[in-house]
């Protein structure tokens, strides 16, 4: 008994029931089965890992999933495979396969990055990245921690006055130790909840400095080296096949700092 080839399968126009597994789980299992062969007589194929520079960075703009690397006729592609039944179940219109050639994306992306981070544009880019940061709302618990610290400071001042008035030093020391412990705990909470903040231009500049000139880092770089530069810039690429456009989000940890788009005609800030 032989299994039919996947491209000959007949898919229902509408899901008969709620999917038991996600599309990503289905595809992952299919890849595992494909790599194991069908028996002892199956010729073992040597698997070659290709250095996909956008591995983990490129997402499908329709479903939001990461696109997977695939080689075809010597060219590297990124594919989002979405079975029809899953598209119907999730109520989205999604082609069965979405492809993007790595070769088509690399030149415009590298050219734009080189221009955006060129010496004569660097300060402008840093200013845009600084301004694009989201506003940080006061974290829950911040005001409560500050209130406890203020109350502890008031109590400590009273204890000093009591000590000067002749209160037993041992008793005052006990009170003081308890209040100082409460104050230290509140101070620790305050630092945790208020740690998130907008980065300054100097901080952004300092994070970019170790990368050196972007043009030099990307020019004639090996794929793995390029991938490292992209990761250091915190790139997230979102491909919108209907518009033939890739949206790039640059995130310098811990905050998202800027968003740009690239199409076949080039990038727009």
Protein backbone atom coordinates (compact mmCIF):
# COMPACT_ATOMS: atom_id res chain seq x y z
CA UNK A 1 0.00 0.00 0.00
CA UNK A 2 1.39 3.38 -0.98
CA UNK A 3 0.50 6.85 0.17
CA UNK A 4 -0.65 9.32 -2.46
CA UNK A 5 1.63 12.26 -3.09
CA UNK A 6 0.62 15.39 -1.12
CA UNK A 7 0.02 17.36 -4.33
CA UNK A 8 -2.67 14.83 -5.31
CA UNK A 9 -4.58 15.10 -2.05
CA UNK A 10 -8.14 16.41 -2.26
CA UNK A 11 -8.84 19.18 0.24
CA UNK A 12 -12.32 20.01 1.43
CA UNK A 13 -13.57 23.49 0.54
CA UNK A 14 -14.52 24.00 4.19
CA UNK A 15 -13.23 22.42 7.42
CA UNK A 16 -15.33 19.47 8.59
CA UNK A 17 -14.38 20.10 12.21
CA UNK A 18 -12.16 22.32 14.32
CA UNK A 19 -8.47 21.56 13.58
CA UNK A 20 -6.86 19.34 16.22
CA UNK A 21 -3.37 20.68 15.57
CA UNK A 22 -1.91 23.90 14.23
CA UNK A 23 -0.53 24.28 10.73
CA UNK A 24 3.01 24.72 12.10
CA UNK A 25 2.77 21.42 14.02
CA UNK A 26 1.52 19.63 10.89
CA UNK A 27 4.35 21.00 8.74
CA UNK A 28 6.96 20.22 11.40
CA UNK A 29 5.88 16.56 11.55
CA UNK A 30 5.87 16.33 7.74
CA UNK A 31 9.44 17.62 7.65
CA UNK A 32 10.49 15.08 10.29
CA UNK A 33 8.89 12.21 8.37
CA UNK A 34 10.45 13.36 5.11
CA UNK A 35 13.90 13.28 6.69
CA UNK A 36 13.57 9.72 8.01
CA UNK A 37 12.97 7.89 4.72
CA UNK A 38 10.64 4.91 4.20
CA UNK A 39 12.76 1.92 5.12
CA UNK A 40 16.15 0.28 5.35
CA UNK A 41 16.64 0.33 1.59
CA UNK A 42 16.08 4.06 1.37
CA UNK A 43 19.22 5.83 0.29
CA UNK A 44 20.44 8.11 3.03
CA UNK A 45 20.56 11.65 1.74
CA UNK A 46 23.20 14.04 2.94
CA UNK A 47 21.45 17.08 4.33
CA UNK A 48 23.21 20.38 3.76
CA UNK A 49 22.46 23.33 5.99
CA UNK A 50 22.26 26.43 3.88
CA UNK A 51 23.10 29.74 5.58
CA UNK A 52 19.74 31.49 5.25
CA UNK A 53 20.56 35.05 6.31
CA UNK A 54 16.94 35.84 7.20
CA UNK A 55 16.40 32.68 9.24
CA UNK A 56 13.89 33.49 11.98
CA UNK A 57 13.61 37.13 10.86
CA UNK A 58 11.15 36.94 7.95
CA UNK A 59 7.42 36.66 8.68
CA UNK A 60 4.38 36.21 6.46
CA UNK A 61 2.31 39.38 6.45
CA UNK A 62 -0.92 37.41 5.96
CA UNK A 63 -0.79 34.93 8.84
CA UNK A 64 2.10 36.31 10.91
CA UNK A 65 4.07 33.05 10.99
CA UNK A 66 7.80 32.79 10.35
CA UNK A 67 8.63 31.87 6.77
CA UNK A 68 10.80 28.78 6.34
CA UNK A 69 13.94 28.55 4.21
CA UNK A 70 13.84 26.36 1.11
CA UNK A 71 16.26 25.73 -1.76
CA UNK A 72 15.02 25.31 -5.32
CA UNK A 73 17.21 25.02 -8.41
CA UNK A 74 20.19 26.46 -6.59
CA UNK A 75 18.33 29.51 -5.26
CA UNK A 76 17.31 30.21 -1.69
CA UNK A 77 13.69 31.04 -0.97
CA UNK A 78 11.52 31.65 2.04
CA UNK A 79 8.14 29.94 2.01
CA UNK A 80 4.94 30.12 4.01
CA UNK A 81 2.86 27.01 3.36
CA UNK A 82 -0.73 27.26 4.56
CA UNK A 83 -3.12 24.41 3.80
CA UNK A 84 -6.52 25.51 2.50
CA UNK A 85 -8.42 23.92 5.36
CA UNK A 86 -6.42 25.85 7.93
CA UNK A 87 -6.97 29.10 6.07
CA UNK A 88 -10.71 28.47 6.10
CA UNK A 89 -10.67 27.49 9.77
CA UNK A 90 -8.86 30.71 10.66
CA UNK A 91 -11.12 32.76 8.37
CA UNK A 92 -8.30 34.31 6.35
CA UNK A 93 -7.54 34.35 2.63
CA UNK A 94 -4.10 32.81 2.27
CA UNK A 95 -2.42 31.30 -0.81
CA UNK A 96 -1.37 27.71 -0.33
CA UNK A 97 2.25 28.81 -0.74
CA UNK A 98 3.86 32.23 -0.41
CA UNK A 99 7.42 32.52 -1.71
CA UNK A 100 10.09 35.21 -1.48
CA UNK A 101 13.54 34.88 -3.03
CA UNK A 102 16.42 35.78 -0.75
CA UNK A 103 18.27 37.18 -3.76
CA UNK A 104 15.47 39.67 -4.43
CA UNK A 105 15.47 41.02 -0.87
CA UNK A 106 19.18 41.25 -0.07
CA UNK A 107 20.27 44.11 -2.40
CA UNK A 108 17.55 46.66 -1.50
CA UNK A 109 17.81 45.83 2.20
CA UNK A 110 21.60 46.19 2.31
CA UNK A 111 21.52 49.37 0.22
CA UNK A 112 18.96 50.97 2.48
CA UNK A 113 20.77 50.00 5.67
CA UNK A 114 24.04 51.34 4.26
CA UNK A 115 22.35 54.65 3.41
CA UNK A 116 20.41 54.97 6.66
CA UNK A 117 23.52 54.38 8.77
CA UNK A 118 25.97 56.27 6.56
CA UNK A 119 28.04 58.88 8.47
CA UNK A 120 26.12 61.82 6.99
CA UNK A 121 22.76 60.20 7.86
CA UNK A 122 23.62 58.54 11.16
CA UNK A 123 22.50 61.34 13.48
CA UNK A 124 19.23 61.72 11.58
CA UNK A 125 18.59 57.98 11.83
CA UNK A 126 19.39 57.96 15.55
CA UNK A 127 16.96 60.85 16.07
CA UNK A 128 14.23 58.97 14.18
CA UNK A 129 14.87 55.82 16.19
CA UNK A 130 14.76 57.74 19.45
CA UNK A 131 11.51 59.49 18.51
CA UNK A 132 9.88 56.24 17.36
CA UNK A 133 10.09 54.65 20.79
CA UNK A 134 6.72 54.04 22.44
CA UNK A 135 5.71 56.09 25.44
CA UNK A 136 6.37 54.21 28.65
CA UNK A 137 3.40 54.29 30.99
CA UNK A 138 4.05 54.15 34.76
CA UNK A 139 4.37 50.51 35.71
CA UNK A 140 1.82 49.04 38.14
CA UNK A 141 3.22 49.15 41.66
CA UNK A 142 5.63 52.03 41.08
CA UNK A 143 3.60 54.59 43.02
CA UNK A 144 2.91 52.10 45.82
CA UNK A 145 6.63 51.41 46.24
CA UNK A 146 7.41 55.13 46.35
CA UNK A 147 4.70 55.64 49.00
CA UNK A 148 6.19 52.89 51.21
CA UNK A 149 9.66 54.42 50.87
CA UNK A 150 8.33 57.83 51.92
CA UNK A 151 6.55 56.33 54.94
CA UNK A 152 9.72 54.49 55.98
CA UNK A 153 11.77 57.69 55.74
CA UNK A 154 9.24 59.45 57.97
CA UNK A 155 9.40 56.65 60.56
CA UNK A 156 13.20 56.64 60.57
CA UNK A 157 13.21 60.39 61.23
CA UNK A 158 10.85 59.88 64.18
CA UNK A 159 13.03 57.09 65.58
CA UNK A 160 16.05 59.38 65.51
CA UNK A 161 14.07 61.98 67.41
CA UNK A 162 12.97 59.31 69.92
CA UNK A 163 16.57 58.22 70.39
CA UNK A 164 17.64 61.80 71.06
CA UNK A 165 14.75 62.11 73.55
CA UNK A 166 16.13 59.21 75.61
CA UNK A 167 14.28 56.14 74.28
CA UNK A 168 16.05 52.81 74.87
CA UNK A 169 18.73 52.55 72.13
CA UNK A 170 18.15 48.77 71.75
CA UNK A 171 14.45 49.31 71.14
CA UNK A 172 15.14 52.09 68.63
CA UNK A 173 17.69 49.85 66.89
CA UNK A 174 15.07 47.10 66.57
CA UNK A 175 12.51 49.51 65.13
CA UNK A 176 15.07 50.95 62.77
CA UNK A 177 16.16 47.53 61.47
CA UNK A 178 12.56 46.55 60.72
CA UNK A 179 11.79 49.78 58.88
CA UNK A 180 15.05 49.68 56.94
CA UNK A 181 14.19 46.13 55.78
CA UNK A 182 10.77 47.32 54.56
CA UNK A 183 12.39 50.31 52.86
CA UNK A 184 14.99 48.14 51.10
CA UNK A 185 12.28 45.79 49.81
CA UNK A 186 10.20 48.71 48.52
CA UNK A 187 13.26 50.26 46.88
CA UNK A 188 14.01 46.97 45.12
CA UNK A 189 10.43 46.79 43.81
CA UNK A 190 10.64 50.39 42.69
CA UNK A 191 13.75 49.70 40.64
CA UNK A 192 12.14 46.66 39.03
CA UNK A 193 8.88 48.31 38.00
CA UNK A 194 10.48 51.54 36.81
CA UNK A 195 13.38 49.91 34.94
CA UNK A 196 11.71 50.28 31.53
CA UNK A 197 12.23 53.71 29.99
CA UNK A 198 12.88 55.44 26.70
CA UNK A 199 16.46 55.27 25.52
CA UNK A 200 18.39 58.46 24.91
CA UNK A 201 20.21 59.30 21.67
CA UNK A 202 23.54 58.69 23.40
CA UNK A 203 22.42 55.22 24.49
CA UNK A 204 21.26 54.35 20.97
CA UNK A 205 24.52 55.66 19.54
CA UNK A 206 26.47 53.53 22.03
CA UNK A 207 24.54 50.40 21.03
CA UNK A 208 25.22 51.02 17.33
CA UNK A 209 28.92 51.80 17.77
CA UNK A 210 30.11 48.16 18.17
CA UNK A 211 28.60 47.33 14.76
CA UNK A 212 30.97 49.75 13.04
CA UNK A 213 30.17 51.19 9.58
CA UNK A 214 27.16 49.21 8.32
CA UNK A 215 28.28 49.51 4.69
CA UNK A 216 31.64 47.94 5.52
CA UNK A 217 30.01 45.25 7.65
CA UNK A 218 27.68 44.20 4.82
CA UNK A 219 29.95 44.62 1.80
CA UNK A 220 31.10 41.21 0.53
CA UNK A 221 30.21 39.69 3.89
CA UNK A 222 29.62 35.97 4.22
CA UNK A 223 25.96 35.00 4.72
CA UNK A 224 26.54 34.07 8.35
CA UNK A 225 28.23 37.43 9.00
CA UNK A 226 25.34 39.28 7.39
CA UNK A 227 22.88 37.32 9.48
CA UNK A 228 24.77 38.40 12.60
CA UNK A 229 24.54 42.07 11.60
CA UNK A 230 20.81 41.74 10.99
CA UNK A 231 20.32 40.09 14.38
CA UNK A 232 22.36 42.79 16.13
CA UNK A 233 20.13 45.42 14.53
CA UNK A 234 17.11 43.48 15.77
CA UNK A 235 15.53 43.25 12.32
CA UNK A 236 12.07 41.77 11.91
CA UNK A 237 10.92 41.50 8.30
CA UNK A 238 7.26 41.16 7.34
CA UNK A 239 6.50 40.19 3.73
CA UNK A 240 3.23 41.44 2.24
CA UNK A 241 2.89 39.41 -1.00
CA UNK A 242 -0.11 41.35 -2.32
CA UNK A 243 1.91 44.58 -2.32
CA UNK A 244 5.28 42.97 -3.11
CA UNK A 245 6.60 44.83 -0.08
CA UNK A 246 8.69 43.91 2.93
CA UNK A 247 8.18 45.86 6.13
CA UNK A 248 11.27 46.05 8.34
CA UNK A 249 11.18 46.70 12.06
CA UNK A 250 14.51 47.46 13.77
CA UNK A 251 14.59 46.74 17.49
CA UNK A 252 17.55 47.51 19.69
CA UNK A 253 16.92 45.64 22.90
CA UNK A 254 14.99 46.29 25.07
CA UNK A 255 12.75 48.64 23.08
CA UNK A 256 11.46 48.78 19.52
CA UNK A 257 13.18 51.79 17.99
CA UNK A 258 12.03 52.21 14.41
CA UNK A 259 9.91 50.90 11.54
CA UNK A 260 10.60 51.17 7.80
CA UNK A 261 9.33 49.56 4.59
CA UNK A 262 11.03 48.24 1.46
CA UNK A 263 9.49 47.44 -1.91
CA UNK A 264 10.93 46.62 -5.30
CA UNK A 265 11.58 50.32 -5.79
CA UNK A 266 13.55 50.74 -2.58
CA UNK A 267 13.02 51.68 1.04
CA UNK A 268 10.84 54.39 2.52
CA UNK A 269 11.60 55.66 6.04
